[in-house]
Amino acid sequence: MRHHQLGLLLAFGLALAGCGRQPEAPATPFKPTASIQELMKALVDPAADGIWESFSTTVTQAGVEEKRPQTDEEWAVVRHHAITLIEASNLLLIEGRKVAHPGQKLDDEGTPGLLTAPEIEQGIAKDRAGFVAAAHVLHDTGVKVLAAIDTKKPEAVVEAGGYIEAACEQCHAKFWYPNAQGPQYGRFNKAAKP
């Protein structure tokens, strides 16, 4: 009888311990749907272009034409582009996000020196810390652009905005086309200075 009671007590204790156990949390609470290529096309590229295209100087026979945000609403649009760029850099870092969906080719696949999506994913997996660092450079560059936008000084935005391409190319040169040769590649291999 004593063994029976001890067995029941042990079974009851194990049952209670099992009830109190929390289900194992997934590695990440996020459910990435878009590929890195899609994030680039939908968020990163349009945000960077929106910043760059808000400022220009054109010299014509009639004189110099300066394009700059003039109103609070125009500055707000440029600011929204910077916020999109900053937060897109965080989205790039979500674990499990693919470079391209299975079976999908990169838009410029076949370009000499450009790796395939699986090769890029292998490179990111081998140097996840380097990929994270590159995304952080883009983030920090975006923060500098945002701070410049908040001053509403066009020269400050243009200067800070110039580092966006360097931040992008630094990552691309390392993960997308690390073996490419020629002046069009590697021009931004030096660290971006946000």
Foldseek 3Di string as FASTA:
>chain_A
DVVVVVVVVVVVVVVVVVVPDDPDDPPDPDDDDAALLRLCVPFQVVLLCLLVVQWDWDQDPVGIDTRHDDDPVSLVSNLVSLVSQLVSLVVNLPPPHFNHPVPDWRPPPPPPQFDTRVQLVVLCVVPVVVSNVLSVLSNVLSVQLNVQSVVSDVVSNVVSSVLNVLSVLCNCCRRTRVPDDDPVHPPSVDDRDD
